Amino acid sequence: MAGLFLKVFLVGVSSLGCLYPFMDFCFRGETRGQKPNFVIILADDMGWGDLGANWAETKDTANLDKLAAEGMRFVDFHAAASTCSPSRASLLTGRLGLRNGVTHNFAVTSVGGLPLNETTLAEVLQRAGYITGMIGKWHLGHHGSFHPNFRGFDYYFGIPYSHDMGCTDTPGYNYPPCPACPRRHQPSRNLERDCYSDVALPLYENLNIVEQPVNLSSLARKYAEKATQFIQQARASGRPFLLYVGLAHMHVPLSRPQRSAGPWDRRPYAAGLREMDRLVGQIKDKVDRTAKNNTFLWFTGDNGPWAQKCELAGSVGPFLGSWQSRQGGSPAKQTTWEGGHRVPALVYWPGRVPTNVTSTALLSVLDIFPTVVALAGASLPGDRHFDGLDASEVLFGGAPAGHRVLFHPNSGAAGEDGALETVRLERYKAFYVTGGAKACDGSVGPEQHHEPPLIFNLDDDAAEAAPLERGSAEYQRVLPKVREALRGVLRDIADDHISRADYTRDPSVTPCCNPQRTACRCQAV
């Protein structure tokens, strides 16, 4: 099972010398005596096909396309889960949900969050001398010690969960539409089933709620301002920095601009893409002006598009999940079909990452943690196993391959949450369980178990339309390798230091800056 799992123990440069001599980059991650800075930008519900450099025929992502031309684009890059909290937990721990305990989403009333015995990327870099900041969506627990300020981030500005999980005065575009927050003396709202409670959406700066409800129309501008301020202040301190930005885009509700004009009304998703693209461009421009040659920027997504939102959802490109579509339901977000977890991914580091390169290496959001830790010259916790790998040789050395095997956890559409019943083995993909999430037409695909599994050859069938014939020589050759890979990861998890998340709910932990006012309203500062 060598190569399936990463169990890394980093040692000092004095004993190993230079790990990447071909890029003037020594083992401790120092470039000409300086540790690199890191900017990680995570889009929300963005489709693989939304990125112009990948698939889209429109020019809605001009800044991201420029980023791809000036860096490296990955076309076989995957979220670690197909829904919000598990994907983010894996990014920050380098571990699948069966290890880190986060197997489904946290709620507004969740008492717990990412287990406290899990070590986050921010905590590792903080101990290595980094200033750490997080801007945007957290969704890994907001109550008590689960707040970002207690999970390794020196600075936090953002929303503690998805921005549809509370009402606002500027509801934006959603399907079905959700009403604005109630005001004093208004009758209780008749909520749609997909709309959240009458508690307003909070905006935090560090431990304080500074706005409730959030003005979604100005949120992108505020995120850009706070991100650029953090970069400027971190640079002025003389210390290296980690900035993690969890974008609200492209999750619904899509914001309405403060001055609504034609294109927004006709094509809100495309307008949202352009707004997100401008925000990313502003962050990149700040990096280029202040720390261009010593900052590694990684852009990717948390999962695929939310198909039940119809025209307010993104594009999966060629990854149509056609077999599932014929059974019913959506093969995108919440599923283990390619549309659910294959996401856009770009990296940028002038003078280090080669320019205008498209990589077909099989990589994952899980790889961000070990890669960044290695480049920072920090040490991974030695008492647990990791599912990610250090992708440095792919990024800097041009290695053609990444993982041989990836595991895609169940994420809500079928099977037990977090269970590993979908296996990617090189160009093959095996399903022991299938099911469709809620589609635009309201249909949901039935949960079906497969023993022996369905196996697709993704090189020949990116749309996952027709599984291999079970009696074929190709199927019989691949099946034993799939079974051994799955047995191996389950054995490894059983022997690992694993965590259990607390999913208890209690209405009293709901963020509320003023319980005496309707919808917990408070003044913006």
Protein backbone atom coordinates (compact mmCIF):
# COMPACT_ATOMS: atom_id res chain seq x y z
CA MET A 1 0.00 0.00 0.00
CA ALA A 2 3.00 2.29 -0.29
CA GLY A 3 2.04 5.62 -1.75
CA LEU A 4 -1.60 5.49 -0.64
CA PHE A 5 -1.08 7.41 2.57
CA LEU A 6 1.31 10.05 3.72
CA LYS A 7 2.84 9.62 7.15
CA VAL A 8 5.39 12.38 7.19
CA PHE A 9 8.06 13.09 9.75
CA LEU A 10 10.04 16.15 8.74
CA VAL A 11 13.60 16.45 9.97
CA GLY A 12 16.09 19.29 10.04
CA VAL A 13 17.83 20.68 7.01
CA SER A 14 21.19 19.84 8.53
CA SER A 15 20.51 16.13 8.15
CA LEU A 16 18.84 16.13 4.74
CA GLY A 17 20.22 19.17 2.99
CA CYS A 18 18.23 20.76 0.17
CA LEU A 19 15.05 18.95 -0.79
CA TYR A 20 14.32 20.92 -3.97
CA PRO A 21 17.71 22.14 -5.26
CA PHE A 22 16.31 22.62 -8.75
CA MET A 23 14.32 25.64 -7.56
CA ASP A 24 16.77 27.22 -5.10
CA PHE A 25 14.44 26.04 -2.37
CA CYS A 26 15.80 24.26 0.68
CA PHE A 27 14.04 21.79 2.92
CA ARG A 28 12.90 24.34 5.48
CA GLY A 29 10.92 26.11 2.79
CA GLU A 30 13.16 29.17 2.81
CA THR A 31 13.71 31.16 -0.36
CA ARG A 32 16.93 33.14 -0.11
CA GLY A 33 16.60 33.09 3.69
CA GLN A 34 12.87 33.92 3.81
CA LYS A 35 9.99 31.62 4.51
CA PRO A 36 7.27 31.84 1.86
CA ASN A 37 3.87 33.38 2.40
CA PHE A 38 0.72 31.41 1.56
CA VAL A 39 -2.65 32.56 0.23
CA ILE A 40 -5.31 29.85 -0.06
CA ILE A 41 -8.57 30.88 -1.74
CA LEU A 42 -11.50 28.46 -1.57
CA ALA A 43 -14.52 29.04 -3.80
CA ASP A 44 -17.90 27.69 -2.71
CA ASP A 45 -20.08 25.51 -4.98
CA MET A 46 -18.09 26.52 -8.08
CA GLY A 47 -18.32 24.11 -10.98
CA TRP A 48 -15.28 22.72 -12.78
CA GLY A 49 -16.79 24.10 -15.99
CA ASP A 50 -17.20 27.64 -14.61
CA LEU A 51 -13.53 28.47 -15.07
CA GLY A 52 -12.90 29.94 -18.50
CA ALA A 53 -9.45 28.32 -18.65
CA ASN A 54 -11.13 24.93 -18.14
CA TRP A 55 -14.28 24.90 -20.17
CA ALA A 56 -16.46 28.00 -20.23
CA GLU A 57 -16.84 29.91 -23.48
CA THR A 58 -17.64 33.15 -21.66
CA LYS A 59 -15.13 35.64 -20.23
CA ASP A 60 -16.56 35.78 -16.74
CA THR A 61 -13.29 34.71 -15.08
CA ALA A 62 -10.70 36.96 -16.73
CA ASN A 63 -8.54 37.28 -13.60
CA LEU A 64 -8.60 33.56 -12.89
CA ASP A 65 -7.79 32.80 -16.52
CA LYS A 66 -4.83 35.19 -16.25
CA LEU A 67 -3.80 33.42 -13.06
CA ALA A 68 -3.85 30.12 -14.97
CA ALA A 69 -1.72 31.61 -17.75
CA GLU A 70 0.81 32.89 -15.21
CA GLY A 71 0.85 29.70 -13.14
CA MET A 72 -0.27 26.09 -13.22
CA ARG A 73 -3.75 24.72 -13.83
CA PHE A 74 -4.88 21.30 -12.57
CA VAL A 75 -7.61 19.51 -14.48
CA ASP A 76 -7.82 16.37 -12.31
CA PHE A 77 -8.08 18.06 -8.90
CA HIS A 78 -10.64 16.99 -6.31
CA ALA A 79 -12.37 18.26 -3.20
CA ALA A 80 -11.98 15.94 -0.22
CA ALA A 81 -15.77 15.71 0.13
CA SER A 82 -18.77 16.97 -1.82
CA THR A 83 -20.25 19.23 0.83
CA CYS A 84 -19.12 22.20 2.90
CA SER A 85 -17.94 21.28 6.40
CA PRO A 86 -16.21 17.96 5.56
CA SER A 87 -14.36 19.50 2.62
CA ARG A 88 -13.09 22.42 4.74
CA ALA A 89 -12.12 20.17 7.62
CA SER A 90 -10.01 18.08 5.25
CA LEU A 91 -8.32 21.15 3.78
CA LEU A 92 -7.25 22.32 7.24
CA THR A 93 -6.19 18.89 8.54
CA GLY A 94 -5.04 16.92 5.48
CA ARG A 95 -7.28 14.08 6.68
CA LEU A 96 -10.52 12.49 5.50
CA GLY A 97 -13.67 12.81 7.57
CA LEU A 98 -13.39 9.27 8.93
CA ARG A 99 -10.15 10.41 10.57
CA ASN A 100 -10.91 14.03 11.57
CA GLY A 101 -14.50 13.30 12.61
CA VAL A 102 -16.25 15.80 10.32
CA THR A 103 -18.56 13.76 8.07
CA HIS A 104 -21.43 16.18 7.46
CA ASN A 105 -22.28 19.85 7.87
CA PHE A 106 -22.52 21.78 11.11
CA ALA A 107 -25.70 23.74 11.86
CA VAL A 108 -26.46 27.22 13.17
CA THR A 109 -27.25 25.59 16.51
CA SER A 110 -24.24 23.22 16.56
CA VAL A 111 -22.48 23.03 19.91
CA GLY A 112 -19.36 21.43 18.45
CA GLY A 113 -17.13 21.74 15.42
CA LEU A 114 -13.86 20.42 14.07
CA PRO A 115 -12.64 18.31 17.01
CA LEU A 116 -10.19 20.15 19.23
CA ASN A 117 -7.65 17.33 19.12
CA GLU A 118 -7.31 17.85 15.36
CA THR A 119 -4.41 20.14 14.45
CA THR A 120 -5.17 22.75 11.80
CA LEU A 121 -2.82 24.09 9.15
CA ALA A 122 -3.03 27.49 10.84
CA GLU A 123 -1.90 26.03 14.17
CA VAL A 124 1.11 24.34 12.54
CA LEU A 125 2.20 27.54 10.79
CA GLN A 126 1.50 29.69 13.82
CA ARG A 127 4.00 27.60 15.77
CA ALA A 128 6.46 28.06 12.89
CA GLY A 129 6.36 31.85 13.29
CA TYR A 130 3.63 32.75 10.81
CA ILE A 131 0.96 35.41 11.16
CA THR A 132 -2.32 33.70 10.27
CA GLY A 133 -5.55 35.19 9.00
CA MET A 134 -8.87 33.79 7.85
CA ILE A 135 -11.46 35.74 5.88
CA GLY A 136 -14.85 34.42 4.83
CA LYS A 137 -16.85 31.28 5.44
CA TRP A 138 -15.65 29.05 8.30
CA HIS A 139 -18.35 26.35 8.85
CA LEU A 140 -16.28 24.29 11.29
CA GLY A 141 -17.99 25.35 14.51
CA HIS A 142 -18.59 28.82 15.95
CA HIS A 143 -19.35 28.16 19.61
CA GLY A 144 -16.62 28.56 22.23
CA SER A 145 -13.27 27.01 21.36
CA PHE A 146 -14.37 26.03 17.86
CA HIS A 147 -14.21 29.63 16.64
CA PRO A 148 -11.37 30.36 14.14
CA ASN A 149 -9.49 32.54 16.65
CA PHE A 150 -9.05 29.42 18.80
CA ARG A 151 -8.06 27.19 15.87
CA GLY A 152 -4.83 28.91 14.91
CA PHE A 153 -5.99 32.09 13.21
CA ASP A 154 -4.68 35.35 14.65
CA TYR A 155 -7.29 37.30 12.72
CA TYR A 156 -10.77 36.39 11.52
CA PHE A 157 -13.33 38.33 9.50
CA GLY A 158 -16.28 36.51 8.04
CA ILE A 159 -19.44 34.46 8.38
CA PRO A 160 -19.37 31.38 10.63
CA TYR A 161 -21.27 29.13 8.21
CA SER A 162 -22.92 29.26 4.77
CA HIS A 163 -24.51 32.59 4.02
CA ASP A 164 -27.91 31.04 3.30
CA MET A 165 -28.07 29.89 6.95
CA GLY A 166 -29.69 33.07 8.22
CA CYS A 167 -31.87 35.86 6.93
CA THR A 168 -30.64 39.20 5.58
CA ASP A 169 -32.17 42.48 4.49
CA THR A 170 -30.59 41.94 1.06
CA PRO A 171 -31.60 38.33 0.34
CA GLY A 172 -30.06 38.09 -3.12
CA TYR A 173 -30.88 35.46 -5.70
CA ASN A 174 -31.97 32.04 -4.44
CA TYR A 175 -34.19 29.24 -5.63
CA PRO A 176 -36.77 29.19 -4.25
CA PRO A 177 -36.52 32.85 -3.22
CA CYS A 178 -36.18 33.53 0.49
CA PRO A 179 -37.70 36.59 2.17
CA ALA A 180 -35.81 39.33 3.97
CA CYS A 181 -35.39 39.37 7.74
CA PRO A 182 -38.49 40.37 9.67
CA ARG A 183 -38.63 43.80 11.26
CA ARG A 184 -40.33 44.98 14.40
CA HIS A 185 -44.10 44.39 14.54
CA GLN A 186 -43.98 42.30 11.36
CA PRO A 187 -45.77 38.95 11.51
CA SER A 188 -43.64 35.81 11.50
CA ARG A 189 -42.48 34.86 8.04
CA ASN A 190 -43.98 31.94 6.15
CA LEU A 191 -40.66 30.28 5.36
CA GLU A 192 -39.99 28.06 2.39
CA ARG A 193 -38.61 24.69 3.44
CA ASP A 194 -35.19 25.60 1.96
CA CYS A 195 -35.03 28.95 3.76
CA TYR A 196 -33.40 29.27 7.16
CA SER A 197 -34.71 30.75 10.39
CA ASP A 198 -35.58 34.28 11.38
CA VAL A 199 -32.21 34.72 13.06
CA ALA A 200 -30.15 37.12 10.97
CA LEU A 201 -26.86 36.14 9.37
CA PRO A 202 -23.92 37.40 11.49
CA LEU A 203 -20.62 38.92 10.36
CA TYR A 204 -17.71 38.48 12.77
CA GLU A 205 -14.47 40.33 13.24
CA ASN A 206 -12.47 38.13 15.54
CA LEU A 207 -14.78 37.21 18.45
CA ASN A 208 -17.24 40.07 17.93
CA ILE A 209 -20.34 40.24 15.77
CA VAL A 210 -19.96 43.52 13.91
CA GLU A 211 -23.03 43.27 11.67
CA GLN A 212 -26.26 41.29 11.92
CA PRO A 213 -27.79 40.87 9.42
CA VAL A 214 -24.97 40.97 6.90
CA ASN A 215 -25.36 43.19 3.86
CA LEU A 216 -24.61 40.64 1.15
CA SER A 217 -24.36 43.32 -1.54
CA SER A 218 -21.23 44.79 0.04
CA LEU A 219 -19.70 41.56 1.37
CA ALA A 220 -17.28 40.97 -1.53
CA ARG A 221 -15.94 44.51 -1.19
CA LYS A 222 -15.42 44.04 2.55
CA TYR A 223 -13.64 40.73 2.02
CA ALA A 224 -11.31 42.32 -0.53
CA GLU A 225 -10.55 45.23 1.82
CA LYS A 226 -9.84 43.00 4.80
CA ALA A 227 -7.70 40.61 2.75
CA THR A 228 -5.54 43.37 1.32
CA GLN A 229 -5.22 45.02 4.75
CA PHE A 230 -4.11 41.74 6.29
CA ILE A 231 -1.46 41.21 3.60
CA GLN A 232 -0.19 44.78 4.04
CA GLN A 233 0.00 44.54 7.82
CA ALA A 234 1.60 41.10 7.76
CA ARG A 235 4.26 42.31 5.34
CA ALA A 236 4.93 45.35 7.52
CA SER A 237 5.52 43.05 10.51
CA GLY A 238 8.38 41.31 8.73
CA ARG A 239 6.91 37.87 9.48
CA PRO A 240 5.65 35.35 6.92
CA PHE A 241 1.89 34.96 6.67
CA LEU A 242 -0.89 32.49 5.90
CA LEU A 243 -4.12 33.95 4.54
CA TYR A 244 -7.05 31.57 4.05
CA VAL A 245 -10.02 33.07 2.19
CA GLY A 246 -13.31 31.15 2.18
CA LEU A 247 -15.35 32.90 -0.50
CA ALA A 248 -19.13 33.22 -0.36
CA HIS A 249 -19.19 32.77 -4.13
CA MET A 250 -20.70 30.77 -5.82
CA HIS A 251 -23.02 29.53 -3.06
CA VAL A 252 -26.57 30.89 -3.05
CA PRO A 253 -27.89 33.41 -2.35
CA LEU A 254 -26.01 35.21 -5.10
CA SER A 255 -25.71 38.82 -4.08
CA ARG A 256 -27.51 41.67 -5.78
CA PRO A 257 -25.25 44.65 -6.44
CA GLN A 258 -26.01 47.89 -4.69
CA ARG A 259 -26.86 49.37 -8.10
CA SER A 260 -28.64 46.59 -9.96
CA ALA A 261 -28.29 46.75 -13.73
CA GLY A 262 -29.28 44.66 -16.73
CA PRO A 263 -26.74 41.84 -16.77
CA TRP A 264 -27.30 41.14 -13.07
CA ASP A 265 -31.02 40.76 -13.58
CA ARG A 266 -30.68 38.56 -16.66
CA ARG A 267 -27.70 36.39 -15.70
CA PRO A 268 -27.12 36.48 -11.95
CA TYR A 269 -24.78 33.48 -11.94
CA ALA A 270 -22.48 34.97 -14.56
CA ALA A 271 -22.53 38.28 -12.71
CA GLY A 272 -21.62 36.47 -9.50
CA LEU A 273 -18.69 34.80 -11.27
CA ARG A 274 -17.45 38.19 -12.41
CA GLU A 275 -17.75 39.60 -8.89
CA MET A 276 -15.82 36.64 -7.46
CA ASP A 277 -13.22 36.97 -10.19
CA ARG A 278 -12.68 40.65 -9.37
CA LEU A 279 -12.25 39.81 -5.70
CA VAL A 280 -9.59 37.18 -6.49
CA GLY A 281 -7.93 39.67 -8.84
CA GLN A 282 -7.75 42.28 -6.08
CA ILE A 283 -6.06 39.81 -3.72
CA LYS A 284 -3.58 38.72 -6.39
CA ASP A 285 -2.80 42.34 -7.27
CA LYS A 286 -2.02 43.06 -3.62
CA VAL A 287 0.26 40.04 -3.47
CA ASP A 288 2.01 41.15 -6.66
CA ARG A 289 2.59 44.65 -5.28
CA THR A 290 3.88 43.59 -1.88
CA ALA A 291 5.27 40.04 -1.91
CA LYS A 292 5.13 38.71 -5.47
CA ASN A 293 8.26 36.58 -5.52
CA ASN A 294 7.76 35.02 -2.13
CA THR A 295 4.04 34.23 -2.00
CA PHE A 296 2.44 30.95 -3.04
CA LEU A 297 -1.23 31.35 -4.03
CA TRP A 298 -3.53 28.32 -4.33
CA PHE A 299 -7.09 28.71 -5.67
CA THR A 300 -9.59 25.86 -5.64
CA GLY A 301 -13.14 24.91 -4.64
CA ASP A 302 -14.90 23.05 -1.82
CA ASN A 303 -17.22 20.93 -4.00
CA GLY A 304 -19.14 20.99 -7.24
CA PRO A 305 -22.24 23.02 -8.14
CA TRP A 306 -25.53 22.77 -6.25
CA ALA A 307 -27.75 21.54 -9.08
CA GLN A 308 -31.06 21.95 -7.27
CA LYS A 309 -30.57 25.72 -7.57
CA CYS A 310 -31.15 25.44 -11.33
CA GLU A 311 -29.90 28.49 -13.26
CA LEU A 312 -28.22 29.71 -10.06
CA ALA A 313 -25.85 26.70 -10.12
CA GLY A 314 -22.59 26.31 -12.01
CA SER A 315 -21.36 24.00 -14.74
CA VAL A 316 -19.79 20.57 -14.31
CA GLY A 317 -18.26 20.82 -17.78
CA PRO A 318 -17.91 17.38 -19.39
CA PHE A 319 -18.36 15.53 -16.08
CA LEU A 320 -22.05 14.89 -16.52
CA GLY A 321 -22.56 11.78 -14.38
CA SER A 322 -24.77 10.44 -17.14
CA TRP A 323 -25.33 7.03 -15.56
CA GLN A 324 -26.80 8.69 -12.48
CA SER A 325 -28.80 11.20 -14.50
CA ARG A 326 -30.61 8.31 -16.16
CA GLN A 327 -31.50 6.93 -12.73
CA GLY A 328 -32.71 10.32 -11.50
CA GLY A 329 -31.39 13.13 -9.37
CA SER A 330 -28.31 15.30 -9.70
CA PRO A 331 -24.74 13.95 -10.05
CA ALA A 332 -23.14 17.13 -8.68
CA LYS A 333 -22.75 18.51 -5.13
CA GLN A 334 -23.38 15.97 -2.33
CA THR A 335 -22.58 13.03 -4.64
CA THR A 336 -19.42 11.09 -5.42
CA TRP A 337 -19.80 11.54 -9.18
CA GLU A 338 -17.10 13.68 -10.79
CA GLY A 339 -19.39 16.71 -10.88
CA GLY A 340 -19.60 16.58 -7.10
CA HIS A 341 -15.91 16.68 -6.27
CA ARG A 342 -13.80 17.57 -9.34
CA VAL A 343 -13.09 21.27 -8.87
CA PRO A 344 -11.06 24.06 -10.48
CA ALA A 345 -7.53 24.45 -9.14
CA LEU A 346 -4.78 26.96 -9.90
CA VAL A 347 -1.42 27.67 -8.28
CA TYR A 348 0.72 30.77 -8.76
CA TRP A 349 4.19 31.63 -7.58
CA PRO A 350 6.31 33.74 -9.94
CA GLY A 351 9.77 32.33 -10.44
CA ARG A 352 8.87 29.05 -8.74
CA VAL A 353 5.76 27.54 -10.32
CA PRO A 354 6.18 27.25 -14.11
CA THR A 355 3.87 29.46 -16.18
CA ASN A 356 1.01 28.45 -18.46
CA VAL A 357 1.25 24.76 -17.58
CA THR A 358 -1.68 22.35 -17.46
CA SER A 359 -1.13 19.39 -15.17
CA THR A 360 -3.09 16.15 -15.37
CA ALA A 361 -1.69 14.93 -12.03
CA LEU A 362 -4.32 13.41 -9.74
CA LEU A 363 -4.37 15.76 -6.75
CA SER A 364 -6.74 16.75 -3.96
CA VAL A 365 -7.60 19.49 -1.50
CA LEU A 366 -6.11 17.04 1.02
CA ASP A 367 -2.67 17.84 -0.46
CA ILE A 368 -2.74 21.52 0.51
CA PHE A 369 -1.94 20.81 4.17
CA PRO A 370 1.19 18.63 3.70
CA THR A 371 2.47 20.71 0.78
CA VAL A 372 2.24 24.02 2.63
CA VAL A 373 3.71 22.53 5.81
CA ALA A 374 6.69 21.16 3.89
CA LEU A 375 7.31 24.45 2.07
CA ALA A 376 7.10 26.35 5.35
CA GLY A 377 9.72 24.08 6.92
CA ALA A 378 7.26 23.11 9.64
CA SER A 379 6.50 19.65 11.03
CA LEU A 380 3.35 17.61 10.67
CA PRO A 381 1.90 16.10 13.86
CA GLY A 382 3.59 12.74 14.27
CA ASP A 383 0.79 10.91 16.07
CA ARG A 384 -1.63 10.56 13.15
CA HIS A 385 -1.85 9.59 9.50
CA PHE A 386 -2.56 11.92 6.59
CA ASP A 387 -4.44 11.28 3.36
CA GLY A 388 -2.80 14.12 1.45
CA LEU A 389 0.63 14.15 -0.12
CA ASP A 390 3.31 16.80 -0.54
CA ALA A 391 2.71 17.90 -4.13
CA SER A 392 5.96 19.87 -4.43
CA GLU A 393 7.44 17.57 -7.07
CA VAL A 394 4.35 18.11 -9.24
CA LEU A 395 4.35 21.86 -8.64
CA PHE A 396 8.04 22.55 -9.07
CA GLY A 397 9.61 19.49 -10.64
CA GLY A 398 7.06 18.72 -13.30
CA ALA A 399 6.27 15.22 -12.00
CA PRO A 400 3.37 13.91 -14.10
CA ALA A 401 1.59 11.94 -11.38
CA GLY A 402 0.20 12.70 -7.95
CA HIS A 403 -1.94 10.13 -6.19
CA ARG A 404 -2.40 6.63 -7.48
CA VAL A 405 -5.56 6.27 -5.38
CA LEU A 406 -8.13 8.72 -3.98
CA PHE A 407 -11.19 7.95 -1.88
CA HIS A 408 -14.38 9.98 -2.25
CA PRO A 409 -16.50 9.95 0.92
CA ASN A 410 -20.27 9.82 0.87
CA SER A 411 -21.50 13.39 1.22
CA GLY A 412 -25.25 13.27 1.64
CA ALA A 413 -26.75 11.83 -1.54
CA ALA A 414 -26.34 8.14 -0.68
CA GLY A 415 -24.77 5.87 1.92
CA GLU A 416 -23.57 6.67 5.42
CA ASP A 417 -22.03 10.14 5.66
CA GLY A 418 -18.26 10.02 5.41
CA ALA A 419 -18.07 6.33 4.50
CA LEU A 420 -15.59 5.43 1.76
CA GLU A 421 -17.54 3.64 -0.93
CA THR A 422 -16.14 5.31 -4.06
CA VAL A 423 -12.56 4.61 -5.11
CA ARG A 424 -10.46 6.39 -7.73
CA LEU A 425 -7.63 4.14 -8.91
CA GLU A 426 -5.50 5.81 -11.58
CA ARG A 427 -7.89 6.28 -14.53
CA TYR A 428 -10.58 4.04 -13.06
CA LYS A 429 -13.36 4.86 -10.64
CA ALA A 430 -15.37 2.30 -8.70
CA PHE A 431 -18.74 2.85 -6.99
CA TYR A 432 -20.02 0.57 -4.25
CA VAL A 433 -22.97 2.91 -3.71
CA THR A 434 -24.67 5.44 -5.99
CA GLY A 435 -27.40 8.00 -5.57
CA GLY A 436 -28.48 11.33 -6.97
CA ALA A 437 -28.82 14.52 -4.97
CA LYS A 438 -31.89 16.73 -5.43
CA ALA A 439 -31.96 18.01 -9.02
CA CYS A 440 -33.41 21.18 -10.50
CA ASP A 441 -36.65 19.33 -11.31
CA GLY A 442 -36.95 18.17 -7.69
CA SER A 443 -36.11 14.55 -8.41
CA VAL A 444 -33.77 12.55 -6.17
CA GLY A 445 -31.93 9.50 -7.44
CA PRO A 446 -32.45 6.26 -5.51
CA GLU A 447 -29.69 4.89 -3.32
CA GLN A 448 -28.29 1.76 -4.94
CA HIS A 449 -25.60 -0.57 -3.62
CA HIS A 450 -23.29 -2.38 -6.01
CA GLU A 451 -21.41 -5.57 -5.23
CA PRO A 452 -19.32 -6.02 -7.25
CA PRO A 453 -18.92 -2.28 -7.84
CA LEU A 454 -19.62 -0.25 -10.95
CA ILE A 455 -16.27 0.66 -12.54
CA PHE A 456 -15.79 3.46 -15.09
CA ASN A 457 -12.73 4.26 -17.20
CA LEU A 458 -12.55 8.06 -16.89
CA ASP A 459 -10.02 8.42 -19.71
CA ASP A 460 -12.57 7.00 -22.14
CA ASP A 461 -15.73 8.08 -20.35
CA ALA A 462 -15.42 11.40 -18.50
CA ALA A 463 -19.22 11.64 -18.43
CA GLU A 464 -19.44 8.41 -16.40
CA ALA A 465 -22.07 7.16 -18.80
CA ALA A 466 -21.32 3.45 -19.20
CA PRO A 467 -19.57 1.24 -16.63
CA LEU A 468 -17.22 -1.49 -17.76
CA GLU A 469 -18.79 -4.85 -18.44
CA ARG A 470 -18.29 -6.96 -15.33
CA GLY A 471 -17.20 -9.93 -17.41
CA SER A 472 -14.60 -7.99 -19.40
CA ALA A 473 -10.88 -8.59 -19.00
CA GLU A 474 -10.41 -4.91 -18.14
CA TYR A 475 -12.93 -5.07 -15.29
CA GLN A 476 -11.47 -8.29 -13.92
CA ARG A 477 -7.98 -6.80 -14.00
CA VAL A 478 -8.99 -3.64 -12.11
CA LEU A 479 -11.39 -5.10 -9.53
CA PRO A 480 -8.78 -6.80 -7.27
CA LYS A 481 -6.73 -3.59 -7.16
CA VAL A 482 -9.81 -1.59 -6.13
CA ARG A 483 -10.66 -4.07 -3.40
CA GLU A 484 -7.12 -4.08 -2.04
CA ALA A 485 -6.96 -0.25 -2.03
CA LEU A 486 -10.22 -0.03 -0.09
CA ARG A 487 -9.19 -2.71 2.39
CA GLY A 488 -5.91 -0.90 2.89
CA VAL A 489 -7.36 2.51 3.72
CA LEU A 490 -9.92 1.01 6.11
CA ARG A 491 -7.16 -0.91 7.92
CA ASP A 492 -5.08 2.25 8.13
CA ILE A 493 -7.99 4.28 9.54
CA ALA A 494 -8.69 1.56 12.11
CA ASP A 495 -5.08 1.83 13.33
CA ASP A 496 -5.03 5.64 13.29
CA HIS A 497 -5.54 8.39 15.84
CA ILE A 498 -9.11 9.37 14.89
CA SER A 499 -11.50 12.02 16.18
CA ARG A 500 -15.25 12.29 16.69
CA ALA A 501 -17.09 15.54 16.07
CA ASP A 502 -19.84 16.66 18.43
CA TYR A 503 -22.96 17.29 16.34
CA THR A 504 -25.15 18.12 19.34
CA ARG A 505 -27.52 21.04 18.77
CA ASP A 506 -28.64 23.71 21.22
CA PRO A 507 -30.55 26.86 20.14
CA SER A 508 -28.77 28.87 22.84
CA VAL A 509 -25.47 28.78 20.89
CA THR A 510 -26.99 30.52 17.85
CA PRO A 511 -24.92 33.67 17.15
CA CYS A 512 -26.98 36.68 18.26
CA CYS A 513 -25.61 40.13 19.02
CA ASN A 514 -28.86 41.46 20.52
CA PRO A 515 -31.47 38.90 21.64
CA GLN A 516 -33.85 41.73 22.56
CA ARG A 517 -34.26 42.83 18.95
CA THR A 518 -36.13 41.12 16.15
CA ALA A 519 -33.84 38.75 14.20
CA CYS A 520 -30.97 39.58 16.60
CA ARG A 521 -30.34 42.88 14.85
CA CYS A 522 -27.40 45.07 15.78
CA GLN A 523 -25.80 48.10 14.26
CA ALA A 524 -22.95 47.71 11.77
CA VAL A 525 -19.65 49.28 12.86
